[in-house]
Amino acid sequence: MPAQLLPASAAAFATRSAPNIVLNTKVDPWLTATLKRINKIKRPLNSVPQHFRCLTETLSSPSAIWTLCSLLLPKAPDSELVHDENPLIEAVFNYKMVMIEAYIVHVDMVSQNEVAFKLTPETIESLVDFHKEVHSKDTSDHTHNWSEKEVQLKKLQEDFIQAANKYVYRTSAMALEGLEEDGAGELLCGRSEEVKTAIMGMFLPLLPPPPRPVEVVRPTPVLPSSTGAENWWQPTIPSHYSATPESWKYASSSTVYTSADSGYGTGTWTCMDLDPSLYSDDVPAMNSPTASYSSDPYTVESPSPPQYYSLPVSSAPMSQELSLPSTLMQSQQCGTSMSFDGFNGFSGFGGFGGFGWDNHQSFAPLPYAM
């Protein structure tokens, strides 16, 4: 893309001078027709130099001022506007029409095929006054106060002055079709909306500084002070815990375990009313031997009886309740002469070792739950 160059007269705060015009070797017919239309005095337009001379004299005239667009702006800040039920009265007393005027500083019919406009000093002055007296006050009233608010407001005004003086509107060279007598003219084909949007975009709001993040002040951790040699990082044991080892983890050295502790006492077998005459006399007693424990430095005394539950102790030895199978088989001989004798049981075992069915009446009836 070729560089888009503008003359020195298009720079900010530059004074007006004759426009810079560049024509092609062949002039377009629409430009010739436009120049013949606006000239009161008939001038020959048969060559490129004749078109160049006629266009330069027309656009250099002091009256060659173009109207780019018009803006309807308020006359005073919002707090000073007149409020009335009739909207027509409000429009008359509260708003004014500002014409955005400019002059041509550059015409390029060769490379860019464009025309450039620069705002007139009168237009720039009216825009600067509106920004200072109306816009700045409105945007200041709509923002909260902070320490550098006036400084930012002044900087906002200076930036607007720079933007208004630097603004150059560039459009197609076909805009010269709106040329009128004495070099004045208006933009056609909706180009005025482009200028209006660009001018209103210069009125920037006053932005307050962003809120500072809240710094959370965290309390400094207090280290525990210790004058002893113990390790201060170890957790402290609560007072309700005793330093004595837990008694339930250690067995008592004086506890004697009997057959009742294993669950085979009167609580299990006494419900069966068996005949004591059926037991053998030579069955040894099943009482467990008294457990003897050697003293251990880590054992403690047995806890008090209310802290533990123990099964009821049987006073009768187990030998009087039930004979073991090993004792029953001592007086019996196993062989092939085992026969079945009706309901009297197996004769080879003597009716289950003297446990014949003829004594079934001596058994107590067993309860059945329905």
Protein backbone atom coordinates (compact mmCIF):
# COMPACT_ATOMS: atom_id res chain seq x y z
CA MET A 1 0.00 0.00 0.00
CA PRO A 2 1.57 3.34 -1.01
CA ALA A 3 2.22 5.94 1.65
CA GLN A 4 -0.59 8.45 2.06
CA LEU A 5 1.12 11.83 2.08
CA LEU A 6 -0.52 15.15 2.85
CA PRO A 7 0.77 18.68 2.33
CA ALA A 8 2.09 20.82 5.17
CA SER A 9 -1.13 22.81 5.24
CA ALA A 10 -2.91 19.70 6.55
CA ALA A 11 -0.80 19.60 9.73
CA ALA A 12 -2.20 20.61 13.12
CA PHE A 13 -2.34 24.38 13.79
CA ALA A 14 -1.18 25.09 10.22
CA THR A 15 -2.53 28.14 8.41
CA ARG A 16 -4.56 27.84 5.31
CA SER A 17 -2.84 27.96 1.93
CA ALA A 18 -3.53 26.98 -1.67
CA PRO A 19 -4.55 23.32 -1.94
CA ASN A 20 -2.21 20.70 -3.36
CA ILE A 21 -3.80 19.36 -6.59
CA VAL A 22 -2.55 16.43 -8.65
CA LEU A 23 -4.42 15.58 -11.88
CA ASN A 24 -4.06 12.63 -14.18
CA THR A 25 -2.88 12.90 -17.76
CA LYS A 26 -6.48 12.58 -18.80
CA VAL A 27 -9.21 14.47 -16.96
CA ASP A 28 -12.44 12.64 -16.14
CA PRO A 29 -15.54 13.98 -17.94
CA TRP A 30 -17.47 14.47 -14.64
CA LEU A 31 -14.78 16.91 -13.38
CA THR A 32 -14.94 18.94 -16.63
CA ALA A 33 -18.74 19.14 -16.34
CA THR A 34 -18.52 20.26 -12.69
CA LEU A 35 -16.04 23.05 -13.45
CA LYS A 36 -18.14 24.36 -16.36
CA ARG A 37 -21.22 24.38 -14.12
CA ILE A 38 -19.73 26.49 -11.31
CA ASN A 39 -17.86 29.05 -13.47
CA LYS A 40 -19.79 32.21 -14.25
CA ILE A 41 -17.23 33.20 -16.80
CA LYS A 42 -16.83 30.74 -19.61
CA ARG A 43 -13.27 29.44 -19.59
CA PRO A 44 -11.71 27.00 -21.99
CA LEU A 45 -11.19 23.54 -20.44
CA ASN A 46 -9.51 21.64 -23.24
CA SER A 47 -6.31 20.50 -21.54
CA VAL A 48 -5.04 19.26 -18.21
CA PRO A 49 -3.27 22.57 -17.33
CA GLN A 50 -6.49 24.48 -17.94
CA HIS A 51 -8.36 22.16 -15.55
CA PHE A 52 -5.56 22.50 -13.01
CA ARG A 53 -5.58 26.33 -13.15
CA CYS A 54 -9.37 26.56 -12.92
CA LEU A 55 -9.62 24.09 -9.99
CA THR A 56 -6.81 25.75 -8.06
CA GLU A 57 -8.28 29.24 -8.33
CA THR A 58 -11.73 27.99 -7.34
CA LEU A 59 -10.61 26.04 -4.22
CA SER A 60 -8.18 28.78 -3.08
CA SER A 61 -10.91 31.36 -2.82
CA PRO A 62 -11.65 32.54 0.77
CA SER A 63 -15.28 31.65 0.19
CA ALA A 64 -14.44 28.06 -0.75
CA ILE A 65 -15.75 26.63 2.52
CA TRP A 66 -17.44 23.27 2.56
CA THR A 67 -20.15 22.20 5.00
CA LEU A 68 -19.30 18.70 6.08
CA CYS A 69 -22.19 18.19 8.50
CA SER A 70 -24.26 19.85 11.21
CA LEU A 71 -24.48 18.99 14.91
CA LEU A 72 -27.30 19.73 17.35
CA LEU A 73 -25.53 20.45 20.65
CA PRO A 74 -26.87 21.62 24.04
CA LYS A 75 -26.25 25.23 24.99
CA ALA A 76 -25.58 24.59 28.67
CA PRO A 77 -24.84 21.70 31.06
CA ASP A 78 -27.63 19.37 32.08
CA SER A 79 -28.10 21.13 35.40
CA GLU A 80 -28.83 24.45 33.65
CA LEU A 81 -31.19 23.31 30.91
CA VAL A 82 -34.74 24.60 30.71
CA HIS A 83 -37.42 22.01 31.44
CA ASP A 84 -40.84 22.50 29.92
CA GLU A 85 -43.80 20.36 29.01
CA ASN A 86 -43.57 21.52 25.40
CA PRO A 87 -40.62 19.76 23.72
CA LEU A 88 -40.43 22.49 21.10
CA ILE A 89 -39.68 25.10 23.75
CA GLU A 90 -36.99 22.89 25.25
CA ALA A 91 -35.38 22.44 21.82
CA VAL A 92 -35.35 26.18 21.14
CA PHE A 93 -33.92 27.25 24.48
CA ASN A 94 -31.61 24.34 25.18
CA TYR A 95 -30.01 23.39 21.85
CA LYS A 96 -28.12 25.09 19.04
CA MET A 97 -27.01 24.11 15.56
CA VAL A 98 -23.25 23.98 14.95
CA MET A 99 -22.09 23.76 11.34
CA ILE A 100 -18.94 21.72 10.81
CA GLU A 101 -17.08 23.55 8.05
CA ALA A 102 -13.82 22.76 6.34
CA TYR A 103 -11.71 23.65 3.35
CA ILE A 104 -9.90 21.46 0.85
CA VAL A 105 -6.17 21.01 1.38
CA HIS A 106 -5.41 18.13 -0.98
CA VAL A 107 -6.76 16.67 -4.23
CA ASP A 108 -5.15 13.52 -5.65
CA MET A 109 -6.57 12.17 -8.89
CA VAL A 110 -3.66 9.84 -9.65
CA SER A 111 -2.63 7.45 -6.86
CA GLN A 112 -5.24 7.69 -4.10
CA ASN A 113 -8.09 9.31 -6.04
CA GLU A 114 -9.12 11.21 -2.92
CA VAL A 115 -9.76 14.65 -1.53
CA ALA A 116 -8.83 15.86 2.00
CA PHE A 117 -10.67 18.40 4.15
CA LYS A 118 -9.41 20.29 7.16
CA LEU A 119 -11.64 22.00 9.74
CA THR A 120 -11.75 25.77 9.70
CA PRO A 121 -10.44 27.72 12.74
CA GLU A 122 -13.96 28.95 13.51
CA THR A 123 -15.29 25.40 13.63
CA ILE A 124 -12.44 24.27 15.85
CA GLU A 125 -13.03 27.17 18.22
CA SER A 126 -16.75 26.46 18.55
CA LEU A 127 -16.08 22.79 19.27
CA VAL A 128 -13.44 23.64 21.88
CA ASP A 129 -15.80 26.04 23.63
CA PHE A 130 -18.55 23.47 23.76
CA HIS A 131 -16.17 20.89 25.15
CA LYS A 132 -14.92 23.21 27.88
CA GLU A 133 -18.21 24.81 28.97
CA VAL A 134 -20.70 21.97 28.52
CA HIS A 135 -19.12 18.61 28.03
CA SER A 136 -16.44 18.96 30.70
CA LYS A 137 -18.96 20.10 33.31
CA ASP A 138 -21.38 17.30 32.53
CA THR A 139 -18.74 14.60 32.67
CA SER A 140 -17.35 16.10 35.88
CA ASP A 141 -20.76 16.10 37.55
CA HIS A 142 -21.37 12.48 36.60
CA THR A 143 -18.15 11.19 38.21
CA HIS A 144 -17.10 11.06 41.84
CA ASN A 145 -14.35 13.24 43.26
CA TRP A 146 -10.78 12.12 43.70
CA SER A 147 -7.50 13.88 44.33
CA GLU A 148 -6.40 14.25 40.68
CA LYS A 149 -9.80 14.93 39.14
CA GLU A 150 -9.03 18.53 38.06
CA VAL A 151 -5.74 17.48 36.53
CA GLN A 152 -7.42 14.74 34.50
CA LEU A 153 -10.15 17.14 33.41
CA LYS A 154 -7.64 19.67 32.14
CA LYS A 155 -5.74 16.96 30.30
CA LEU A 156 -8.99 15.83 28.70
CA GLN A 157 -9.55 19.34 27.33
CA GLU A 158 -6.01 19.56 25.96
CA ASP A 159 -6.38 16.21 24.21
CA PHE A 160 -9.58 17.41 22.56
CA ILE A 161 -7.88 20.55 21.24
CA GLN A 162 -5.13 18.43 19.72
CA ALA A 163 -7.62 16.01 18.16
CA ALA A 164 -9.73 18.80 16.64
CA ASN A 165 -6.71 20.48 15.04
CA LYS A 166 -5.30 17.22 13.69
CA TYR A 167 -8.56 16.01 12.22
CA VAL A 168 -8.52 15.63 8.44
CA TYR A 169 -11.42 14.09 6.63
CA ARG A 170 -10.39 12.05 3.60
CA THR A 171 -12.88 10.73 1.10
CA SER A 172 -13.21 9.83 -2.55
CA ALA A 173 -12.46 12.49 -5.20
CA MET A 174 -16.03 12.05 -6.41
CA ALA A 175 -16.98 14.35 -3.50
CA LEU A 176 -16.02 17.27 -5.80
CA GLU A 177 -19.32 16.73 -7.56
CA GLY A 178 -20.87 18.70 -4.67
CA LEU A 179 -18.81 21.75 -5.63
CA GLU A 180 -20.80 24.98 -5.99
CA GLU A 181 -20.08 28.54 -7.04
CA ASP A 182 -17.14 30.33 -5.41
CA GLY A 183 -15.68 26.98 -4.37
CA ALA A 184 -18.14 26.16 -1.61
CA GLY A 185 -19.88 22.82 -1.43
CA GLU A 186 -21.49 20.06 0.58
CA LEU A 187 -20.80 16.40 1.01
CA LEU A 188 -23.10 14.07 -0.89
CA CYS A 189 -24.00 10.37 -0.80
CA GLY A 190 -24.22 10.12 3.01
CA ARG A 191 -20.65 11.17 3.65
CA SER A 192 -21.86 13.67 6.27
CA GLU A 193 -22.65 10.80 8.66
CA GLU A 194 -19.03 9.74 8.58
CA VAL A 195 -17.90 13.21 9.65
CA LYS A 196 -20.54 13.42 12.37
CA THR A 197 -19.48 10.10 13.84
CA ALA A 198 -15.83 11.13 13.81
CA ILE A 199 -16.49 14.50 15.50
CA MET A 200 -18.68 13.06 18.25
CA GLY A 201 -16.04 10.41 18.90
CA MET A 202 -13.67 13.14 20.06
CA PHE A 203 -15.81 13.90 23.14
CA LEU A 204 -14.36 11.34 25.52
CA PRO A 205 -15.74 10.76 29.02
CA LEU A 206 -13.78 11.46 32.17
CA LEU A 207 -12.76 8.09 33.52
CA PRO A 208 -12.03 7.84 37.24
CA PRO A 209 -9.07 5.78 38.35
CA PRO A 210 -9.76 2.11 39.00
CA PRO A 211 -10.39 1.18 42.63
CA ARG A 212 -7.34 0.10 44.51
CA PRO A 213 -7.30 -3.49 45.66
CA VAL A 214 -7.99 -3.88 49.34
CA GLU A 215 -4.92 -5.11 51.15
CA VAL A 216 -5.80 -7.79 53.63
CA VAL A 217 -3.74 -7.33 56.77
CA ARG A 218 -2.97 -10.76 58.10
CA PRO A 219 -2.05 -11.03 61.77
CA THR A 220 1.50 -12.03 62.52
CA PRO A 221 1.58 -15.56 63.97
CA VAL A 222 2.61 -15.46 67.62
CA LEU A 223 5.26 -18.07 68.35
CA PRO A 224 4.92 -19.73 71.78
CA SER A 225 7.65 -18.78 74.17
CA SER A 226 9.36 -21.56 76.08
CA THR A 227 12.03 -21.37 78.78
CA GLY A 228 12.49 -25.10 79.21
CA ALA A 229 14.33 -27.63 77.12
CA GLU A 230 11.21 -29.36 75.82
CA ASN A 231 10.25 -29.19 72.14
CA TRP A 232 7.71 -26.41 71.77
CA TRP A 233 6.41 -27.72 68.47
CA GLN A 234 4.90 -30.83 70.02
CA PRO A 235 1.16 -30.59 70.66
CA THR A 236 0.06 -30.20 74.26
CA ILE A 237 -1.90 -33.09 75.71
CA PRO A 238 -5.24 -31.93 77.16
CA SER A 239 -5.58 -32.08 80.91
CA HIS A 240 -8.51 -34.52 80.86
CA TYR A 241 -6.26 -37.25 79.38
CA SER A 242 -4.34 -39.24 81.98
CA ALA A 243 -0.73 -40.22 81.50
CA THR A 244 -1.49 -43.69 83.01
CA PRO A 245 -1.55 -46.42 80.34
CA GLU A 246 -5.00 -47.51 79.36
CA SER A 247 -5.96 -50.43 81.56
CA TRP A 248 -8.03 -52.22 78.96
CA LYS A 249 -4.96 -52.90 76.84
CA TYR A 250 -3.32 -55.10 79.50
CA ALA A 251 -4.50 -58.35 81.03
CA SER A 252 -4.70 -58.71 84.81
CA SER A 253 -2.13 -60.94 86.39
CA SER A 254 -4.58 -62.15 89.04
CA THR A 255 -7.45 -63.12 86.76
CA VAL A 256 -8.37 -66.82 86.73
CA TYR A 257 -10.18 -68.06 83.66
CA THR A 258 -12.56 -71.00 84.07
CA SER A 259 -14.79 -72.91 81.75
CA ALA A 260 -17.56 -70.42 82.38
CA ASP A 261 -15.55 -67.69 80.69
CA SER A 262 -15.56 -69.60 77.44
CA GLY A 263 -19.32 -69.75 77.28
CA TYR A 264 -19.77 -73.46 78.03
CA GLY A 265 -21.19 -73.20 81.54
CA THR A 266 -24.64 -73.48 82.90
CA GLY A 267 -25.87 -70.74 80.65
CA THR A 268 -25.56 -73.00 77.59
CA TRP A 269 -26.08 -76.64 78.57
CA THR A 270 -28.24 -76.56 81.67
CA CYS A 271 -31.34 -76.03 79.55
CA MET A 272 -31.02 -79.67 78.44
CA ASP A 273 -32.29 -81.85 81.27
CA LEU A 274 -29.99 -84.82 80.76
CA ASP A 275 -29.87 -87.83 83.00
CA PRO A 276 -26.71 -87.76 85.16
CA SER A 277 -26.68 -91.57 85.27
CA LEU A 278 -25.72 -91.62 81.61
CA TYR A 279 -22.38 -89.99 82.16
CA SER A 280 -19.24 -92.00 82.67
CA ASP A 281 -17.55 -91.85 86.00
CA ASP A 282 -14.10 -91.90 84.53
CA VAL A 283 -14.43 -88.61 82.60
CA PRO A 284 -11.86 -86.14 83.91
CA ALA A 285 -12.86 -82.69 85.05
CA MET A 286 -12.84 -79.94 82.37
CA ASN A 287 -11.99 -77.05 84.60
CA SER A 288 -9.33 -74.96 83.01
CA PRO A 289 -6.10 -74.76 84.92
CA THR A 290 -5.45 -71.64 86.83
CA ALA A 291 -3.53 -69.25 84.64
CA SER A 292 -0.40 -68.06 86.24
CA TYR A 293 1.29 -65.04 84.87
CA SER A 294 4.65 -63.76 85.66
CA SER A 295 4.92 -60.25 86.88
CA ASP A 296 5.60 -57.79 84.08
CA PRO A 297 6.77 -54.22 84.59
CA TYR A 298 4.31 -53.01 81.93
CA THR A 299 1.25 -54.61 83.46
CA VAL A 300 -1.02 -52.71 85.72
CA GLU A 301 -3.56 -53.73 88.22
CA SER A 302 -6.86 -55.08 86.95
CA PRO A 303 -9.60 -52.52 86.75
CA SER A 304 -12.43 -52.42 89.17
CA PRO A 305 -15.25 -54.93 88.52
CA PRO A 306 -17.90 -52.35 87.53
CA GLN A 307 -15.85 -51.31 84.49
CA TYR A 308 -15.99 -54.74 82.76
CA TYR A 309 -18.65 -57.30 82.04
CA SER A 310 -18.05 -60.97 82.83
CA LEU A 311 -20.18 -63.99 82.14
CA PRO A 312 -21.83 -65.79 85.05
CA VAL A 313 -19.54 -68.37 86.61
CA SER A 314 -20.81 -71.90 86.71
CA SER A 315 -20.46 -73.74 90.04
CA ALA A 316 -20.86 -77.21 88.51
CA PRO A 317 -17.94 -78.72 86.62
CA MET A 318 -18.37 -79.49 82.98
CA SER A 319 -17.70 -83.15 83.55
CA GLN A 320 -21.10 -83.45 85.26
CA GLU A 321 -22.94 -81.84 82.36
CA LEU A 322 -21.65 -83.51 79.19
CA SER A 323 -19.21 -86.22 78.37
CA LEU A 324 -16.67 -85.67 75.67
CA PRO A 325 -16.79 -87.92 72.60
CA SER A 326 -13.28 -89.19 73.26
CA THR A 327 -14.32 -90.71 76.58
CA LEU A 328 -17.36 -92.30 75.07
CA MET A 329 -15.26 -94.15 72.51
CA GLN A 330 -12.82 -95.66 75.05
CA SER A 331 -15.11 -98.59 76.06
CA GLN A 332 -16.42 -99.19 72.54
CA GLN A 333 -14.94 -101.36 69.84
CA CYS A 334 -15.32 -100.44 66.25
CA GLY A 335 -15.92 -103.32 63.86
CA THR A 336 -17.96 -104.73 61.04
CA SER A 337 -20.54 -106.28 63.39
CA MET A 338 -22.58 -103.07 63.57
CA SER A 339 -26.31 -103.68 63.02
CA PHE A 340 -29.46 -101.67 63.29
CA ASP A 341 -31.90 -102.85 65.95
CA GLY A 342 -35.18 -101.07 65.30
CA PHE A 343 -35.64 -97.94 67.28
CA ASN A 344 -33.14 -99.07 69.96
CA GLY A 345 -30.35 -97.43 67.94
CA PHE A 346 -27.21 -98.92 66.50
CA SER A 347 -26.42 -102.10 68.41
CA GLY A 348 -22.77 -101.83 67.49
CA PHE A 349 -22.56 -98.68 69.60
CA GLY A 350 -25.03 -99.81 72.19
CA GLY A 351 -27.58 -97.26 71.13
CA PHE A 352 -25.16 -94.38 70.70
CA GLY A 353 -23.01 -95.53 73.61
CA GLY A 354 -25.70 -96.05 76.19
CA PHE A 355 -27.65 -93.11 74.88
CA GLY A 356 -30.56 -95.41 73.84
CA TRP A 357 -33.90 -94.35 72.60
CA ASP A 358 -35.62 -96.29 75.36
CA ASN A 359 -34.73 -93.46 77.74
CA HIS A 360 -36.31 -90.79 75.62
CA GLN A 361 -38.94 -90.12 78.27
CA SER A 362 -36.27 -88.72 80.59
CA PHE A 363 -35.58 -85.82 78.15
CA ALA A 364 -37.34 -82.61 78.87
CA PRO A 365 -39.48 -81.34 75.99
CA LEU A 366 -37.84 -78.61 73.93
CA PRO A 367 -39.85 -75.42 73.42
CA TYR A 368 -40.63 -74.45 69.83
CA ALA A 369 -41.35 -70.95 68.79
CA MET A 370 -44.42 -70.57 66.61
